[in-house]
């Protein structure tokens, strides 16, 4: 009996000390087709958005819009002719704004949004308006037409602004500090 217990202990000792073989990773080449499909779908969505905005701009014959190099359109409601400074990175600006659909339906009023204090290029904000505010002088009012990719993007704001929804926003720059 002692001999069998001794053999069992020796067997357990030997079997527990054996090294486990390392598992090798499965080498799968990453497929780029998923990325290519996503890129093509995004291009198609952006083309549709740009056509929608171009149609909106062309149908608004009473207003003269300027196309920015950043991909949005804007028009001055109130323009300041004097050589006032433009906001630069790090400047604190105070402004009011509203958000509406391209059909003219008010999504957020300026009273709902209140007076906004924003540090230029230092805070997260609607990307199209971040770039647009840098084109404004103190006292100016500008209406921006922002494609979805410069506004709230693919998700919207998950409240009132839908997925891939382009918006219009009228901004009044109150103060530059």
N, C-alpha and C. Protein backbone atom coordinates (compact mmCIF):
# COMPACT_ATOMS: atom_id res chain seq x y z
N UNK A 1 0.82 -1.18 0.00
CA UNK A 1 0.00 0.00 0.00
C UNK A 1 0.87 1.25 0.00
N UNK A 2 1.95 1.23 0.82
CA UNK A 2 2.85 2.37 0.84
C UNK A 2 3.48 2.57 -0.53
N UNK A 3 3.77 1.44 -1.17
CA UNK A 3 4.41 1.50 -2.46
C UNK A 3 3.47 2.14 -3.50
N UNK A 4 2.18 1.83 -3.48
CA UNK A 4 1.23 2.38 -4.44
C UNK A 4 0.98 3.87 -4.18
N UNK A 5 0.97 4.27 -2.91
CA UNK A 5 0.80 5.69 -2.58
C UNK A 5 2.02 6.47 -3.07
N UNK A 6 3.19 5.88 -2.90
CA UNK A 6 4.43 6.50 -3.33
C UNK A 6 4.42 6.68 -4.86
N UNK A 7 3.96 5.71 -5.60
CA UNK A 7 3.91 5.78 -7.06
C UNK A 7 2.92 6.85 -7.50
N UNK A 8 1.79 6.93 -6.83
CA UNK A 8 0.79 7.94 -7.18
C UNK A 8 1.34 9.35 -6.94
N UNK A 9 2.04 9.53 -5.82
CA UNK A 9 2.60 10.85 -5.50
C UNK A 9 3.67 11.23 -6.52
N UNK A 10 4.54 10.27 -6.86
CA UNK A 10 5.59 10.52 -7.84
C UNK A 10 4.95 10.85 -9.20
N UNK A 11 3.93 10.12 -9.59
CA UNK A 11 3.25 10.35 -10.86
C UNK A 11 2.62 11.75 -10.89
N UNK A 12 1.95 12.14 -9.79
CA UNK A 12 1.35 13.48 -9.72
C UNK A 12 2.42 14.57 -9.77
N UNK A 13 3.52 14.32 -9.09
CA UNK A 13 4.61 15.29 -9.07
C UNK A 13 5.18 15.48 -10.47
N UNK A 14 5.42 14.41 -11.17
CA UNK A 14 6.00 14.47 -12.51
C UNK A 14 5.02 15.11 -13.50
N UNK A 15 3.76 14.72 -13.40
CA UNK A 15 2.78 15.26 -14.36
C UNK A 15 2.47 16.73 -14.10
N UNK A 16 2.57 17.18 -12.87
CA UNK A 16 2.28 18.58 -12.58
C UNK A 16 3.43 19.50 -12.96
N UNK A 17 4.60 19.00 -13.09
CA UNK A 17 5.77 19.81 -13.43
C UNK A 17 6.01 19.92 -14.93
N UNK A 18 5.25 19.24 -15.71
CA UNK A 18 5.49 19.31 -17.15
C UNK A 18 5.07 20.68 -17.69
N UNK A 19 5.83 21.14 -18.67
CA UNK A 19 5.53 22.44 -19.26
C UNK A 19 4.38 22.29 -20.25
N UNK A 20 3.51 23.31 -20.23
CA UNK A 20 2.45 23.31 -21.22
C UNK A 20 2.98 24.01 -22.47
N UNK A 21 2.64 23.48 -23.58
CA UNK A 21 3.12 24.04 -24.85
C UNK A 21 2.37 25.34 -25.13
N UNK A 22 3.10 26.33 -25.55
CA UNK A 22 2.50 27.63 -25.86
C UNK A 22 1.63 27.51 -27.10
N UNK A 23 0.49 28.15 -27.03
CA UNK A 23 -0.39 28.15 -28.20
C UNK A 23 0.09 29.21 -29.17
N UNK A 24 0.11 28.85 -30.39
CA UNK A 24 0.53 29.79 -31.44
C UNK A 24 -0.67 30.58 -31.91
N UNK A 25 -0.47 31.88 -32.19
CA UNK A 25 -1.60 32.67 -32.68
C UNK A 25 -2.00 32.22 -34.08
N UNK A 26 -3.26 32.39 -34.33
CA UNK A 26 -3.76 32.08 -35.66
C UNK A 26 -3.45 33.29 -36.53
N UNK A 27 -2.70 33.07 -37.55
CA UNK A 27 -2.29 34.16 -38.43
C UNK A 27 -3.32 34.35 -39.54
N UNK A 28 -4.21 35.29 -39.29
CA UNK A 28 -5.16 35.65 -40.32
C UNK A 28 -4.75 37.00 -40.88
N UNK A 29 -4.68 37.08 -42.16
CA UNK A 29 -4.37 38.38 -42.78
C UNK A 29 -5.58 39.28 -42.62
N UNK A 30 -5.38 40.50 -42.09
CA UNK A 30 -6.52 41.40 -41.92
C UNK A 30 -7.13 41.75 -43.28
N UNK A 31 -8.43 41.71 -43.31
CA UNK A 31 -9.13 41.99 -44.55
C UNK A 31 -9.36 43.49 -44.69
N UNK A 32 -8.95 44.02 -45.80
CA UNK A 32 -9.15 45.45 -46.05
C UNK A 32 -10.49 45.71 -46.72
N UNK A 33 -11.19 44.66 -47.08
CA UNK A 33 -12.46 44.87 -47.78
C UNK A 33 -13.48 45.56 -46.88
N UNK A 34 -13.44 45.29 -45.59
CA UNK A 34 -14.37 45.95 -44.66
C UNK A 34 -14.11 47.45 -44.66
N UNK A 35 -12.84 47.83 -44.61
CA UNK A 35 -12.49 49.25 -44.61
C UNK A 35 -12.85 49.90 -45.94
N UNK A 36 -12.58 49.20 -47.02
CA UNK A 36 -12.89 49.74 -48.34
C UNK A 36 -14.39 49.94 -48.50
N UNK A 37 -15.18 48.99 -48.00
CA UNK A 37 -16.64 49.12 -48.07
C UNK A 37 -17.11 50.32 -47.25
N UNK A 38 -16.54 50.50 -46.06
CA UNK A 38 -16.92 51.63 -45.21
C UNK A 38 -16.55 52.95 -45.87
N UNK A 39 -15.39 53.00 -46.50
CA UNK A 39 -14.96 54.22 -47.18
C UNK A 39 -15.90 54.54 -48.33
N UNK A 40 -16.25 53.55 -49.11
CA UNK A 40 -17.16 53.76 -50.24
C UNK A 40 -18.55 54.21 -49.76
N UNK A 41 -19.03 53.62 -48.68
CA UNK A 41 -20.33 54.01 -48.14
C UNK A 41 -20.29 55.45 -47.63
N UNK A 42 -19.20 55.83 -46.96
CA UNK A 42 -19.05 57.20 -46.47
C UNK A 42 -18.98 58.19 -47.62
N UNK A 43 -18.28 57.84 -48.68
CA UNK A 43 -18.21 58.71 -49.86
C UNK A 43 -19.59 58.91 -50.47
N UNK A 44 -20.37 57.84 -50.53
CA UNK A 44 -21.72 57.93 -51.08
C UNK A 44 -22.61 58.82 -50.21
N UNK A 45 -22.51 58.66 -48.90
CA UNK A 45 -23.30 59.50 -47.97
C UNK A 45 -22.90 60.96 -48.13
N UNK A 46 -21.59 61.23 -48.17
CA UNK A 46 -21.11 62.62 -48.30
C UNK A 46 -21.52 63.24 -49.63
N UNK A 47 -21.51 62.45 -50.69
CA UNK A 47 -21.96 62.95 -52.00
C UNK A 47 -23.43 63.32 -51.94
N UNK A 48 -24.24 62.48 -51.31
CA UNK A 48 -25.67 62.76 -51.16
C UNK A 48 -25.89 64.03 -50.34
N UNK A 49 -25.15 64.18 -49.25
CA UNK A 49 -25.26 65.37 -48.40
C UNK A 49 -24.88 66.62 -49.19
N UNK A 50 -23.79 66.55 -49.94
CA UNK A 50 -23.34 67.71 -50.72
C UNK A 50 -24.35 68.09 -51.80
N UNK A 51 -24.99 67.10 -52.42
CA UNK A 51 -26.03 67.38 -53.41
C UNK A 51 -27.23 68.05 -52.75
N UNK A 52 -27.58 67.59 -51.56
CA UNK A 52 -28.71 68.17 -50.81
C UNK A 52 -28.42 69.64 -50.49
N UNK A 53 -27.23 69.93 -50.04
CA UNK A 53 -26.87 71.32 -49.69
C UNK A 53 -26.80 72.18 -50.94
N UNK A 54 -26.21 71.68 -52.01
CA UNK A 54 -26.15 72.43 -53.26
C UNK A 54 -27.55 72.76 -53.77
N UNK A 55 -28.45 71.81 -53.65
CA UNK A 55 -29.83 72.04 -54.06
C UNK A 55 -30.47 73.12 -53.19
N UNK A 56 -30.21 73.05 -51.89
CA UNK A 56 -30.75 74.06 -50.96
C UNK A 56 -30.22 75.45 -51.33
N UNK A 57 -28.92 75.56 -51.55
CA UNK A 57 -28.28 76.84 -51.89
C UNK A 57 -28.86 77.38 -53.20
N UNK A 58 -29.00 76.52 -54.21
CA UNK A 58 -29.51 76.95 -55.51
C UNK A 58 -30.97 77.39 -55.43
N UNK A 59 -31.75 76.77 -54.56
CA UNK A 59 -33.17 77.13 -54.42
C UNK A 59 -33.38 78.41 -53.62
N UNK A 60 -32.38 78.82 -52.85
CA UNK A 60 -32.47 80.05 -52.06
C UNK A 60 -31.88 81.19 -52.89
N UNK A 61 -32.63 81.64 -53.88
CA UNK A 61 -32.12 82.64 -54.82
C UNK A 61 -32.02 84.04 -54.22
N UNK A 62 -32.64 84.28 -53.08
CA UNK A 62 -32.60 85.60 -52.47
C UNK A 62 -31.33 85.83 -51.64
N UNK A 63 -30.61 84.75 -51.36
CA UNK A 63 -29.44 84.85 -50.49
C UNK A 63 -28.20 84.45 -51.27
N UNK A 64 -27.12 85.20 -51.04
CA UNK A 64 -25.84 84.90 -51.68
C UNK A 64 -24.94 84.19 -50.66
N UNK A 65 -24.64 82.93 -50.91
CA UNK A 65 -23.81 82.14 -50.00
C UNK A 65 -22.37 82.09 -50.48
N UNK A 66 -21.46 81.98 -49.53
CA UNK A 66 -20.04 81.85 -49.81
C UNK A 66 -19.64 80.43 -49.39
N UNK A 67 -18.92 79.74 -50.25
CA UNK A 67 -18.46 78.40 -49.88
C UNK A 67 -17.09 78.52 -49.24
N UNK A 68 -16.94 77.95 -48.05
CA UNK A 68 -15.66 78.00 -47.36
C UNK A 68 -14.77 76.86 -47.84
N UNK A 69 -13.51 77.00 -47.59
CA UNK A 69 -12.57 75.93 -47.92
C UNK A 69 -12.71 74.75 -46.97
N UNK A 70 -13.46 74.95 -45.89
CA UNK A 70 -13.66 73.91 -44.87
C UNK A 70 -14.86 73.02 -45.16
N UNK A 71 -15.61 73.30 -46.24
CA UNK A 71 -16.70 72.43 -46.64
C UNK A 71 -18.09 72.88 -46.22
N UNK A 72 -18.22 74.07 -45.65
CA UNK A 72 -19.55 74.57 -45.30
C UNK A 72 -19.81 75.85 -46.09
N UNK A 73 -21.04 76.32 -46.04
CA UNK A 73 -21.46 77.53 -46.73
C UNK A 73 -21.90 78.55 -45.67
N UNK A 74 -21.77 79.83 -46.01
CA UNK A 74 -22.22 80.86 -45.07
C UNK A 74 -22.64 82.12 -45.81
N UNK A 75 -23.47 82.91 -45.11
CA UNK A 75 -23.91 84.19 -45.64
C UNK A 75 -23.99 85.18 -44.48
N UNK A 76 -23.65 86.43 -44.76
CA UNK A 76 -23.70 87.46 -43.73
C UNK A 76 -25.10 88.03 -43.62
N UNK A 77 -25.60 88.10 -42.40
CA UNK A 77 -26.86 88.79 -42.12
C UNK A 77 -26.51 90.22 -41.73
N UNK A 78 -25.52 90.35 -40.84
CA UNK A 78 -24.97 91.65 -40.45
C UNK A 78 -23.47 91.57 -40.64
N UNK A 79 -22.92 92.47 -41.47
CA UNK A 79 -21.49 92.45 -41.75
C UNK A 79 -20.87 93.75 -41.23
N UNK A 80 -19.74 93.62 -40.57
CA UNK A 80 -19.01 94.77 -40.05
C UNK A 80 -17.91 95.10 -41.07
N UNK A 81 -17.93 96.31 -41.58
CA UNK A 81 -16.98 96.71 -42.62
C UNK A 81 -15.63 97.12 -42.06
N UNK A 82 -15.60 97.58 -40.83
CA UNK A 82 -14.34 98.08 -40.28
C UNK A 82 -13.34 96.93 -40.08
N UNK A 83 -12.09 97.32 -39.91
CA UNK A 83 -11.02 96.34 -39.75
C UNK A 83 -10.94 95.85 -38.31
N UNK A 84 -11.94 95.15 -37.89
CA UNK A 84 -11.95 94.55 -36.56
C UNK A 84 -11.19 93.23 -36.61
N UNK A 85 -10.62 92.84 -35.48
CA UNK A 85 -9.87 91.58 -35.47
C UNK A 85 -10.81 90.37 -35.55
N UNK A 86 -10.28 89.30 -36.10
CA UNK A 86 -10.98 88.02 -36.13
C UNK A 86 -10.51 87.20 -34.93
N UNK A 87 -11.36 86.31 -34.43
CA UNK A 87 -10.92 85.47 -33.31
C UNK A 87 -9.77 84.55 -33.73
N UNK A 88 -8.84 84.38 -32.81
CA UNK A 88 -7.70 83.49 -33.04
C UNK A 88 -7.71 82.39 -31.99
N UNK A 89 -6.91 81.38 -32.20
CA UNK A 89 -6.82 80.27 -31.26
C UNK A 89 -6.52 80.80 -29.86
N UNK A 90 -7.29 80.36 -28.89
CA UNK A 90 -7.10 80.76 -27.51
C UNK A 90 -7.96 81.94 -27.07
N UNK A 91 -8.52 82.69 -28.04
CA UNK A 91 -9.41 83.80 -27.70
C UNK A 91 -10.71 83.25 -27.12
N UNK A 92 -11.26 83.99 -26.18
CA UNK A 92 -12.57 83.64 -25.64
C UNK A 92 -13.62 84.45 -26.39
N UNK A 93 -14.61 83.78 -26.94
CA UNK A 93 -15.67 84.47 -27.66
C UNK A 93 -17.00 84.19 -26.97
N UNK A 94 -17.88 85.17 -27.07
CA UNK A 94 -19.23 85.04 -26.55
C UNK A 94 -20.17 85.22 -27.73
N UNK A 95 -21.12 84.30 -27.87
CA UNK A 95 -22.03 84.37 -29.01
C UNK A 95 -23.36 83.69 -28.67
N UNK A 96 -24.33 83.98 -29.52
CA UNK A 96 -25.61 83.27 -29.47
C UNK A 96 -25.78 82.56 -30.80
N UNK A 97 -26.54 81.48 -30.78
CA UNK A 97 -26.78 80.74 -32.02
C UNK A 97 -28.06 79.93 -31.90
N UNK A 98 -28.58 79.54 -33.05
CA UNK A 98 -29.71 78.62 -33.09
C UNK A 98 -29.35 77.51 -34.05
N UNK A 99 -30.17 76.49 -34.06
CA UNK A 99 -29.97 75.37 -34.99
C UNK A 99 -31.31 75.06 -35.62
N UNK A 100 -31.31 74.97 -36.95
CA UNK A 100 -32.52 74.60 -37.67
C UNK A 100 -32.19 73.63 -38.80
N UNK A 101 -33.21 72.94 -39.26
CA UNK A 101 -33.03 72.03 -40.38
C UNK A 101 -32.92 72.84 -41.66
N UNK A 102 -32.51 72.21 -42.74
CA UNK A 102 -32.43 72.90 -44.02
C UNK A 102 -33.81 73.29 -44.53
N UNK A 103 -34.83 72.63 -44.02
CA UNK A 103 -36.20 72.96 -44.40
C UNK A 103 -36.70 74.18 -43.63
N UNK A 104 -35.91 74.69 -42.70
CA UNK A 104 -36.29 75.88 -41.94
C UNK A 104 -36.98 75.59 -40.62
N UNK A 105 -37.09 74.33 -40.23
CA UNK A 105 -37.71 73.97 -38.96
C UNK A 105 -36.71 74.22 -37.84
N UNK A 106 -37.11 75.01 -36.86
CA UNK A 106 -36.25 75.34 -35.74
C UNK A 106 -36.08 74.10 -34.84
N UNK A 107 -34.85 73.68 -34.66
CA UNK A 107 -34.55 72.51 -33.83
C UNK A 107 -34.23 72.96 -32.41
N UNK A 108 -33.33 73.92 -32.29
CA UNK A 108 -32.98 74.54 -31.00
C UNK A 108 -33.01 76.05 -31.19
N UNK A 109 -33.74 76.75 -30.35
CA UNK A 109 -33.79 78.21 -30.43
C UNK A 109 -32.57 78.79 -29.71
N UNK A 110 -32.27 80.05 -30.00
CA UNK A 110 -31.14 80.67 -29.30
C UNK A 110 -31.45 80.86 -27.82
N UNK A 111 -32.74 80.97 -27.47
CA UNK A 111 -33.10 81.06 -26.05
C UNK A 111 -32.83 79.74 -25.33
N UNK A 112 -33.11 78.63 -26.00
CA UNK A 112 -32.83 77.32 -25.41
C UNK A 112 -31.32 77.11 -25.22
N UNK A 113 -30.55 77.51 -26.21
CA UNK A 113 -29.10 77.29 -26.17
C UNK A 113 -28.38 78.32 -25.31
N UNK A 114 -28.99 79.49 -25.15
CA UNK A 114 -28.41 80.53 -24.30
C UNK A 114 -27.17 81.16 -24.90
N UNK A 115 -26.55 81.99 -24.11
CA UNK A 115 -25.31 82.66 -24.53
C UNK A 115 -24.17 81.67 -24.30
N UNK A 116 -23.37 81.48 -25.33
CA UNK A 116 -22.28 80.50 -25.28
C UNK A 116 -20.96 81.22 -25.15
N UNK A 117 -20.16 80.80 -24.18
CA UNK A 117 -18.78 81.25 -24.04
C UNK A 117 -17.90 80.11 -24.52
N UNK A 118 -16.99 80.42 -25.42
CA UNK A 118 -16.21 79.38 -26.07
C UNK A 118 -14.78 79.87 -26.27
N UNK A 119 -13.81 79.03 -25.93
CA UNK A 119 -12.41 79.33 -26.18
C UNK A 119 -12.04 78.72 -27.53
N UNK A 120 -11.66 79.57 -28.47
CA UNK A 120 -11.42 79.16 -29.85
C UNK A 120 -10.33 78.09 -29.92
N UNK A 121 -10.66 77.00 -30.58
CA UNK A 121 -9.77 75.86 -30.82
C UNK A 121 -9.29 75.17 -29.54
N UNK A 122 -9.89 75.46 -28.41
CA UNK A 122 -9.48 74.83 -27.16
C UNK A 122 -10.59 73.99 -26.55
N UNK A 123 -11.80 74.08 -27.10
CA UNK A 123 -12.94 73.35 -26.57
C UNK A 123 -13.59 72.55 -27.68
N UNK A 124 -14.28 71.50 -27.28
CA UNK A 124 -15.02 70.70 -28.24
C UNK A 124 -16.38 71.36 -28.48
N UNK A 125 -16.69 71.56 -29.75
CA UNK A 125 -17.94 72.21 -30.14
C UNK A 125 -18.25 71.75 -31.56
N UNK A 126 -19.36 72.14 -32.11
CA UNK A 126 -19.73 71.76 -33.47
C UNK A 126 -18.59 72.18 -34.40
N UNK A 127 -17.98 71.22 -35.10
CA UNK A 127 -16.75 71.50 -35.84
C UNK A 127 -16.93 72.58 -36.91
N UNK A 128 -18.05 72.59 -37.61
CA UNK A 128 -18.29 73.62 -38.62
C UNK A 128 -18.39 75.00 -38.01
N UNK A 129 -19.03 75.11 -36.85
CA UNK A 129 -19.14 76.42 -36.18
C UNK A 129 -17.80 76.84 -35.58
N UNK A 130 -17.00 75.88 -35.13
CA UNK A 130 -15.67 76.23 -34.64
C UNK A 130 -14.88 76.95 -35.72
N UNK A 131 -14.94 76.43 -36.93
CA UNK A 131 -14.21 77.03 -38.04
C UNK A 131 -14.89 78.31 -38.51
N UNK A 132 -16.22 78.33 -38.49
CA UNK A 132 -16.97 79.49 -38.95
C UNK A 132 -16.80 80.70 -38.06
N UNK A 133 -16.73 80.50 -36.76
CA UNK A 133 -16.58 81.61 -35.82
C UNK A 133 -15.27 82.36 -36.08
N UNK A 134 -14.27 81.66 -36.56
CA UNK A 134 -12.98 82.31 -36.84
C UNK A 134 -13.05 83.23 -38.06
N UNK A 135 -14.17 83.20 -38.80
CA UNK A 135 -14.37 84.09 -39.95
C UNK A 135 -15.15 85.35 -39.57
N UNK A 136 -15.62 85.42 -38.33
CA UNK A 136 -16.52 86.49 -37.91
C UNK A 136 -15.80 87.58 -37.12
N UNK A 137 -16.34 88.78 -37.23
CA UNK A 137 -15.88 89.92 -36.42
C UNK A 137 -16.92 90.18 -35.34
N UNK A 138 -16.49 90.86 -34.32
CA UNK A 138 -17.40 91.22 -33.22
C UNK A 138 -18.57 92.02 -33.76
N UNK A 139 -19.80 91.61 -33.42
CA UNK A 139 -21.00 92.30 -33.85
C UNK A 139 -21.65 91.73 -35.11
N UNK A 140 -20.97 90.79 -35.77
CA UNK A 140 -21.53 90.22 -36.99
C UNK A 140 -22.50 89.08 -36.69
N UNK A 141 -23.45 88.92 -37.61
CA UNK A 141 -24.38 87.79 -37.58
C UNK A 141 -24.24 87.07 -38.90
N UNK A 142 -24.00 85.77 -38.81
CA UNK A 142 -23.75 84.95 -40.00
C UNK A 142 -24.61 83.69 -39.91
N UNK A 143 -25.18 83.29 -41.04
CA UNK A 143 -25.89 82.01 -41.11
C UNK A 143 -24.99 81.01 -41.81
N UNK A 144 -24.75 79.89 -41.14
CA UNK A 144 -23.91 78.83 -41.65
C UNK A 144 -24.80 77.66 -42.09
N UNK A 145 -24.47 77.08 -43.23
CA UNK A 145 -25.11 75.84 -43.68
C UNK A 145 -24.03 74.77 -43.56
N UNK A 146 -24.26 73.86 -42.62
CA UNK A 146 -23.25 72.86 -42.30
C UNK A 146 -23.68 71.47 -42.76
N UNK A 147 -22.83 70.81 -43.55
CA UNK A 147 -23.13 69.42 -43.89
C UNK A 147 -23.03 68.56 -42.63
N UNK A 148 -23.66 67.43 -42.64
CA UNK A 148 -23.71 66.57 -41.46
C UNK A 148 -22.32 66.26 -40.91
N UNK A 149 -21.34 66.05 -41.79
CA UNK A 149 -20.00 65.70 -41.32
C UNK A 149 -19.29 66.88 -40.65
N UNK A 150 -19.80 68.10 -40.79
CA UNK A 150 -19.25 69.25 -40.07
C UNK A 150 -20.17 69.68 -38.93
N UNK A 151 -21.26 68.97 -38.76
CA UNK A 151 -22.23 69.31 -37.71
C UNK A 151 -22.20 68.21 -36.63
N UNK A 152 -23.22 67.37 -36.63
CA UNK A 152 -23.32 66.35 -35.60
C UNK A 152 -23.00 64.95 -36.12
N UNK A 153 -22.64 64.83 -37.38
CA UNK A 153 -22.14 63.58 -37.93
C UNK A 153 -23.16 62.48 -38.08
N UNK A 154 -22.64 61.28 -38.08
CA UNK A 154 -23.44 60.11 -38.39
C UNK A 154 -24.48 59.80 -37.31
N UNK A 155 -24.23 60.20 -36.07
CA UNK A 155 -25.14 59.87 -34.98
C UNK A 155 -26.17 60.96 -34.69
N UNK A 156 -25.93 62.17 -35.13
CA UNK A 156 -26.79 63.27 -34.72
C UNK A 156 -26.48 63.61 -33.28
N UNK A 157 -27.38 64.33 -32.63
CA UNK A 157 -27.16 64.63 -31.21
C UNK A 157 -27.91 63.66 -30.31
N UNK A 158 -28.53 62.67 -30.90
CA UNK A 158 -29.29 61.62 -30.22
C UNK A 158 -30.48 62.18 -29.45
N UNK A 159 -30.90 63.38 -29.82
CA UNK A 159 -32.11 63.98 -29.24
C UNK A 159 -33.00 64.48 -30.36
N UNK A 160 -32.70 65.65 -30.89
CA UNK A 160 -33.54 66.26 -31.92
C UNK A 160 -32.92 66.26 -33.30
N UNK A 161 -31.63 66.11 -33.39
CA UNK A 161 -30.94 66.13 -34.68
C UNK A 161 -30.70 64.69 -35.10
N UNK A 162 -31.18 64.35 -36.30
CA UNK A 162 -31.12 62.98 -36.77
C UNK A 162 -29.76 62.58 -37.32
N UNK A 163 -29.67 61.32 -37.71
CA UNK A 163 -28.43 60.80 -38.28
C UNK A 163 -28.17 61.45 -39.63
N UNK A 164 -26.93 61.80 -39.86
CA UNK A 164 -26.49 62.43 -41.12
C UNK A 164 -27.35 63.62 -41.51
N UNK A 165 -27.76 64.42 -40.54
CA UNK A 165 -28.61 65.57 -40.82
C UNK A 165 -27.77 66.84 -40.94
N UNK A 166 -27.88 67.49 -42.07
CA UNK A 166 -27.23 68.79 -42.27
C UNK A 166 -28.08 69.84 -41.56
N UNK A 167 -27.43 70.89 -41.10
CA UNK A 167 -28.15 71.92 -40.34
C UNK A 167 -27.79 73.31 -40.83
N UNK A 168 -28.60 74.25 -40.40
CA UNK A 168 -28.38 75.68 -40.62
C UNK A 168 -28.30 76.31 -39.24
N UNK A 169 -27.36 77.22 -39.04
CA UNK A 169 -27.22 77.87 -37.75
C UNK A 169 -26.90 79.34 -37.95
N UNK A 170 -27.67 80.18 -37.28
CA UNK A 170 -27.42 81.62 -37.33
C UNK A 170 -26.70 82.02 -36.05
N UNK A 171 -25.50 82.57 -36.21
CA UNK A 171 -24.62 82.90 -35.08
C UNK A 171 -24.42 84.41 -35.03
N UNK A 172 -24.55 84.99 -33.83
CA UNK A 172 -24.23 86.39 -33.60
C UNK A 172 -23.04 86.44 -32.65
N UNK A 173 -21.92 86.97 -33.12
CA UNK A 173 -20.72 87.07 -32.30
C UNK A 173 -20.81 88.34 -31.46
N UNK A 174 -20.94 88.17 -30.16
CA UNK A 174 -21.15 89.30 -29.25
C UNK A 174 -19.82 89.94 -28.83
N UNK A 175 -18.87 89.11 -28.45
CA UNK A 175 -17.62 89.66 -27.90
C UNK A 175 -16.45 88.72 -28.16
N UNK A 176 -15.28 89.33 -28.39
CA UNK A 176 -14.03 88.60 -28.49
C UNK A 176 -13.12 89.12 -27.38
N UNK A 177 -12.63 88.23 -26.56
CA UNK A 177 -11.70 88.63 -25.47
C UNK A 177 -10.32 88.10 -25.74
